[in-house]
Amino acid sequence: MIPVAAWFIVSAALFATGLYGIMTTRSSIKILMCVELLINAAHVNFAAFAGYHQDPGGLVFVLFGIAIAAAEAAVGISIFLNLYRLKGSADVSIVRALKG
């Protein structure tokens, strides 16, 4: 059995990669993918704790989280596709220009 600390390292690496991607990129699709990495880091933690404590409650949270992440991705992609259709670019700085 893989120790829980190894799963935490994997989760921290996923979270750090997602956070770095959000902070450094301007492409809306890449930002959406990095948000998915952040969510998957939380799922890895839930699954690791569920396995460590022999409690399936964490896996239930993971299943609901996957469903919510799929809905979030669908809504995000539809928003960014409409933005691209209207403005011709998927750059995040355009979203700031749409305010107010």
Protein backbone atom coordinates (compact mmCIF):
# COMPACT_ATOMS: atom_id res chain seq x y z
CA MET A 1 0.00 0.00 0.00
CA ILE A 2 1.27 3.46 -0.89
CA PRO A 3 1.81 5.66 2.19
CA VAL A 4 -0.46 8.66 2.69
CA ALA A 5 2.49 11.06 2.61
CA ALA A 6 3.19 10.07 -1.00
CA TRP A 7 -0.37 10.98 -1.95
CA PHE A 8 0.03 14.32 -0.20
CA ILE A 9 3.16 15.00 -2.24
CA VAL A 10 1.30 14.18 -5.45
CA SER A 11 -1.58 16.40 -4.36
CA ALA A 12 0.76 19.26 -3.46
CA ALA A 13 2.48 18.94 -6.85
CA LEU A 14 -0.89 19.06 -8.65
CA PHE A 15 -1.97 22.06 -6.60
CA ALA A 16 1.32 23.91 -7.16
CA THR A 17 1.19 23.23 -10.90
CA GLY A 18 -2.39 24.50 -11.12
CA LEU A 19 -1.65 27.59 -9.06
CA TYR A 20 1.44 28.39 -11.14
CA GLY A 21 -0.59 28.00 -14.31
CA ILE A 22 -3.32 30.34 -13.08
CA MET A 23 -0.81 32.99 -12.01
CA THR A 24 1.30 32.98 -15.17
CA THR A 25 -0.97 32.39 -18.15
CA ARG A 26 -3.46 34.69 -19.87
CA SER A 27 -5.27 32.12 -21.99
CA SER A 28 -8.73 31.39 -20.65
CA ILE A 29 -8.66 27.73 -21.66
CA LYS A 30 -5.34 27.18 -19.89
CA ILE A 31 -6.70 28.88 -16.77
CA LEU A 32 -9.74 26.60 -16.86
CA MET A 33 -7.45 23.56 -17.13
CA CYS A 34 -5.39 24.78 -14.18
CA VAL A 35 -8.53 25.20 -12.09
CA GLU A 36 -9.30 21.57 -12.88
CA LEU A 37 -5.83 20.64 -11.59
CA LEU A 38 -6.61 22.43 -8.32
CA ILE A 39 -9.87 20.53 -7.98
CA ASN A 40 -8.14 17.22 -8.75
CA ALA A 41 -5.58 17.94 -6.02
CA ALA A 42 -8.44 18.15 -3.54
CA HIS A 43 -9.87 14.90 -4.91
CA VAL A 44 -6.56 13.12 -4.38
CA ASN A 45 -6.52 14.30 -0.76
CA PHE A 46 -10.08 13.10 -0.18
CA ALA A 47 -9.29 9.70 -1.68
CA ALA A 48 -6.06 9.39 0.34
CA PHE A 49 -7.86 10.15 3.61
CA ALA A 50 -10.67 7.75 2.68
CA GLY A 51 -8.16 4.97 2.11
CA TYR A 52 -6.20 5.77 5.26
CA HIS A 53 -9.24 5.80 7.54
CA GLN A 54 -11.07 2.99 5.70
CA ASP A 55 -14.08 5.28 5.34
CA PRO A 56 -15.90 5.49 2.00
CA GLY A 57 -17.21 8.98 2.83
CA GLY A 58 -14.20 10.61 1.19
CA LEU A 59 -14.84 8.69 -2.02
CA VAL A 60 -18.42 9.94 -2.03
CA PHE A 61 -17.08 13.51 -1.85
CA VAL A 62 -14.77 12.70 -4.76
CA LEU A 63 -17.66 11.43 -6.89
CA PHE A 64 -19.75 14.52 -6.19
CA GLY A 65 -16.70 16.70 -6.79
CA ILE A 66 -16.10 15.11 -10.18
CA ALA A 67 -19.70 15.83 -11.17
CA ILE A 68 -19.42 19.43 -10.01
CA ALA A 69 -16.08 19.85 -11.81
CA ALA A 70 -17.62 18.56 -15.04
CA ALA A 71 -20.46 21.06 -14.75
CA GLU A 72 -17.98 23.85 -13.96
CA ALA A 73 -15.91 22.97 -17.01
CA ALA A 74 -18.97 22.95 -19.27
CA VAL A 75 -20.13 26.35 -18.03
CA GLY A 76 -16.61 27.81 -18.24
CA ILE A 77 -16.03 26.56 -21.76
CA SER A 78 -19.40 27.92 -22.91
CA ILE A 79 -18.60 31.34 -21.42
CA PHE A 80 -15.19 31.44 -23.06
CA LEU A 81 -16.54 30.23 -26.40
CA ASN A 82 -19.09 33.06 -26.37
CA LEU A 83 -16.33 35.49 -25.45
CA TYR A 84 -14.24 34.23 -28.37
CA ARG A 85 -17.21 34.47 -30.70
CA LEU A 86 -17.92 38.07 -29.67
CA LYS A 87 -14.39 39.45 -29.36
CA GLY A 88 -12.27 37.12 -31.51
CA SER A 89 -9.84 36.26 -28.72
CA ALA A 90 -9.81 34.09 -25.59
CA ASP A 91 -7.46 36.43 -23.70
CA VAL A 92 -8.39 37.05 -20.07
CA SER A 93 -7.58 40.78 -20.28
CA ILE A 94 -10.60 41.21 -22.57
CA VAL A 95 -12.85 40.05 -19.74
CA ARG A 96 -11.60 42.95 -17.65
CA ALA A 97 -12.50 45.32 -20.48
CA LEU A 98 -16.10 44.03 -20.45
CA LYS A 99 -16.71 45.29 -16.91
CA GLY A 100 -19.00 48.19 -16.24
